[in-house]
Amino acid sequence: MAELVSKAYAEALFSVATEDDSMAALRDELNFVVSSFEMYPAFFEIMKMPTINKADKQSVVTETFEGKLSVEMMNFLKMLIAKNRIADIFEIGSTFNAMVDDFNKVLSISVESVMPLTAQQLQILTQKLKDKTGKQVILNPVVNPDLLGGIVVKMGEQIIDGSVKYKLEGMLEGLTQIIV
């Protein structure tokens, strides 16, 4: 349910962003708000408290972010407070960012490896993924020593697991089926 609500609010903000041609600016502002709540969790907890008057919360948001956010983003935050949805801001931000990336044909891909990949390896992988997806690719390399070797590529819901750990687990499963 919360995911559907977050998607609806993200879509509303996306609609405003496309109408006003302010997609990049609203994305930056929303990410700024989300990171502010992450850096100051006590502030975020106060904003979620049902015992605090909505008008007071809106005033605090105005005082805190005035001059740092556009009128559209300020109105969006105030609406989230009025509708008791400020707690969904992280999911809304994530959904909005995904919508902007999809609109711009950008794909953010996580690549796990045992050791850091070289610049050349990242460049080759980026080009291959760009050719496969037809989108601009942004790689997010992650070092994961548990893999033993190989790489794991995560593109949204799709996972390409070329790790040694995965292959060994598959071999073990195959052997147990043969033995039993």
Protein backbone atom coordinates (compact mmCIF):
# COMPACT_ATOMS: atom_id res chain seq x y z
CA MET A 1 0.00 0.00 0.00
CA ALA A 2 2.75 2.45 0.97
CA GLU A 3 4.51 1.71 -2.31
CA LEU A 4 1.40 2.64 -4.30
CA VAL A 5 0.98 5.85 -2.33
CA SER A 6 4.63 6.76 -2.84
CA LYS A 7 4.32 6.07 -6.54
CA ALA A 8 1.26 8.31 -6.80
CA TYR A 9 3.07 11.22 -5.12
CA ALA A 10 6.20 10.65 -7.20
CA GLU A 11 4.07 10.65 -10.36
CA ALA A 12 2.43 13.91 -9.31
CA LEU A 13 5.80 15.55 -8.77
CA PHE A 14 7.05 14.08 -12.06
CA SER A 15 4.04 15.59 -13.84
CA VAL A 16 4.88 19.03 -12.43
CA ALA A 17 8.55 18.55 -13.37
CA THR A 18 7.73 17.71 -16.99
CA GLU A 19 5.21 20.54 -17.35
CA ASP A 20 7.61 23.15 -15.96
CA ASP A 21 10.71 21.63 -17.57
CA SER A 22 12.23 21.59 -14.08
CA MET A 23 13.03 17.89 -13.79
CA ALA A 24 16.72 18.26 -12.93
CA ALA A 25 16.08 21.06 -10.44
CA LEU A 26 13.25 19.24 -8.66
CA ARG A 27 15.32 16.06 -8.55
CA ASP A 28 18.22 17.92 -6.94
CA GLU A 29 15.89 19.59 -4.45
CA LEU A 30 14.12 16.36 -3.51
CA ASN A 31 17.47 14.62 -3.06
CA PHE A 32 18.59 17.55 -0.88
CA VAL A 33 15.50 17.18 1.33
CA VAL A 34 15.94 13.41 1.59
CA SER A 35 19.62 13.74 2.48
CA SER A 36 18.75 16.42 5.05
CA PHE A 37 16.31 14.03 6.72
CA GLU A 38 18.97 11.30 6.61
CA MET A 39 21.58 13.58 8.19
CA TYR A 40 19.19 14.80 10.88
CA PRO A 41 17.01 11.82 11.82
CA ALA A 42 15.68 13.58 14.94
CA PHE A 43 14.31 16.35 12.71
CA PHE A 44 12.68 13.73 10.48
CA GLU A 45 11.13 12.00 13.51
CA ILE A 46 9.63 15.31 14.63
CA MET A 47 8.15 15.82 11.15
CA LYS A 48 6.48 12.40 11.38
CA MET A 49 5.00 12.90 14.86
CA PRO A 50 1.20 12.88 14.71
CA THR A 51 0.96 14.87 17.96
CA ILE A 52 2.54 17.95 16.39
CA ASN A 53 0.19 20.28 14.57
CA LYS A 54 0.46 20.12 10.76
CA ALA A 55 0.58 23.91 10.47
CA ASP A 56 3.52 23.98 12.89
CA LYS A 57 5.34 21.34 10.84
CA GLN A 58 4.72 23.33 7.67
CA SER A 59 6.10 26.46 9.34
CA VAL A 60 9.21 24.56 10.41
CA VAL A 61 9.71 23.28 6.86
CA THR A 62 9.33 26.82 5.52
CA GLU A 63 11.85 28.22 8.00
CA THR A 64 14.29 25.36 7.47
CA PHE A 65 14.26 25.23 3.68
CA GLU A 66 13.32 28.80 2.72
CA GLY A 67 15.62 30.12 0.01
CA LYS A 68 16.98 26.62 -0.63
CA LEU A 69 13.96 25.13 -2.40
CA SER A 70 11.65 26.21 -5.19
CA VAL A 71 8.03 27.12 -4.56
CA GLU A 72 7.00 23.84 -6.20
CA MET A 73 9.12 21.74 -3.84
CA MET A 74 8.00 23.73 -0.79
CA ASN A 75 4.37 23.21 -1.79
CA PHE A 76 5.04 19.52 -2.36
CA LEU A 77 6.54 19.13 1.14
CA LYS A 78 3.67 21.04 2.70
CA MET A 79 1.19 18.82 0.87
CA LEU A 80 2.98 15.70 2.16
CA ILE A 81 2.68 17.08 5.68
CA ALA A 82 -0.99 17.99 5.20
CA LYS A 83 -1.76 14.47 3.95
CA ASN A 84 0.35 12.77 6.67
CA ARG A 85 2.71 11.36 4.02
CA ILE A 86 6.03 12.96 4.97
CA ALA A 87 7.12 9.56 6.34
CA ASP A 88 7.05 8.29 2.74
CA ILE A 89 9.57 10.87 1.49
CA PHE A 90 12.40 8.32 1.10
CA GLU A 91 10.29 5.98 -1.04
CA ILE A 92 8.88 8.94 -2.99
CA GLY A 93 12.41 10.18 -3.65
CA SER A 94 13.57 6.77 -4.82
CA THR A 95 10.55 6.35 -7.11
CA PHE A 96 10.89 9.87 -8.50
CA ASN A 97 14.60 9.34 -9.24
CA ALA A 98 13.79 6.09 -11.05
CA MET A 99 11.12 7.87 -13.11
CA VAL A 100 13.55 10.64 -14.08
CA ASP A 101 16.22 8.08 -15.01
CA ASP A 102 13.73 6.15 -17.12
CA PHE A 103 12.57 9.36 -18.84
CA ASN A 104 16.18 10.31 -19.59
CA LYS A 105 17.02 6.73 -20.67
CA VAL A 106 19.59 6.39 -17.90
CA LEU A 107 20.14 3.09 -16.15
CA SER A 108 21.91 2.95 -12.79
CA ILE A 109 23.56 -0.45 -12.42
CA SER A 110 25.26 -1.97 -9.38
CA VAL A 111 28.31 -4.13 -10.08
CA GLU A 112 29.71 -6.25 -7.25
CA SER A 113 33.19 -7.72 -7.44
CA VAL A 114 35.74 -9.16 -5.04
CA MET A 115 38.30 -6.47 -5.84
CA PRO A 116 37.82 -2.99 -7.27
CA LEU A 117 37.44 -3.09 -11.04
CA THR A 118 39.97 -1.17 -13.11
CA ALA A 119 38.96 1.86 -15.15
CA GLN A 120 39.34 -0.19 -18.32
CA GLN A 121 37.13 -3.01 -16.98
CA LEU A 122 34.48 -0.49 -15.94
CA GLN A 123 34.63 1.16 -19.35
CA ILE A 124 34.24 -2.16 -21.21
CA LEU A 125 31.39 -3.25 -18.93
CA THR A 126 29.67 0.11 -19.32
CA GLN A 127 29.84 -0.11 -23.11
CA LYS A 128 28.54 -3.71 -23.19
CA LEU A 129 25.63 -2.83 -20.89
CA LYS A 130 24.88 0.29 -22.93
CA ASP A 131 24.78 -1.82 -26.11
CA LYS A 132 22.55 -4.41 -24.43
CA THR A 133 20.07 -1.96 -22.88
CA GLY A 134 20.16 0.91 -25.35
CA LYS A 135 20.38 3.33 -22.44
CA GLN A 136 23.05 5.52 -20.90
CA VAL A 137 24.63 3.46 -18.13
CA ILE A 138 25.91 4.66 -14.78
CA LEU A 139 27.87 1.97 -12.95
CA ASN A 140 27.98 1.82 -9.17
CA PRO A 141 30.88 -0.49 -8.33
CA VAL A 142 30.71 -2.31 -4.99
CA VAL A 143 33.44 -4.47 -3.47
CA ASN A 144 32.03 -7.70 -1.98
CA PRO A 145 34.69 -10.16 -0.75
CA ASP A 146 32.03 -12.85 -0.17
CA LEU A 147 31.78 -13.48 -3.93
CA LEU A 148 35.15 -15.29 -4.07
CA GLY A 149 35.53 -14.19 -7.72
CA GLY A 150 33.57 -12.98 -10.75
CA ILE A 151 30.95 -10.24 -10.71
CA VAL A 152 27.27 -9.70 -9.95
CA VAL A 153 25.41 -7.13 -12.05
CA LYS A 154 22.13 -5.72 -10.68
CA MET A 155 19.91 -3.80 -13.10
CA GLY A 156 16.72 -2.99 -11.24
CA GLU A 157 14.93 -6.30 -10.74
CA GLN A 158 17.29 -8.22 -13.04
CA ILE A 159 20.41 -9.85 -11.57
CA ILE A 160 23.19 -11.37 -13.62
CA ASP A 161 25.21 -13.49 -11.22
CA GLY A 162 28.57 -14.49 -12.66
CA SER A 163 30.21 -14.98 -9.28
CA VAL A 164 32.29 -17.99 -8.31
CA LYS A 165 30.19 -18.32 -5.16
CA TYR A 166 27.00 -18.69 -7.22
CA LYS A 167 28.59 -21.25 -9.52
CA LEU A 168 29.91 -23.27 -6.58
CA GLU A 169 26.49 -23.23 -4.91
CA GLY A 170 24.95 -24.47 -8.17
CA MET A 171 27.50 -27.27 -8.39
CA LEU A 172 26.83 -28.26 -4.78
CA GLU A 173 23.09 -28.35 -5.41
CA GLY A 174 23.62 -30.50 -8.50
CA LEU A 175 25.85 -32.90 -6.58
CA THR A 176 23.35 -33.27 -3.75
CA GLN A 177 20.62 -34.15 -6.23
CA ILE A 178 22.83 -36.81 -7.81
CA ILE A 179 23.83 -38.33 -4.47
CA VAL A 180 20.31 -38.42 -3.03
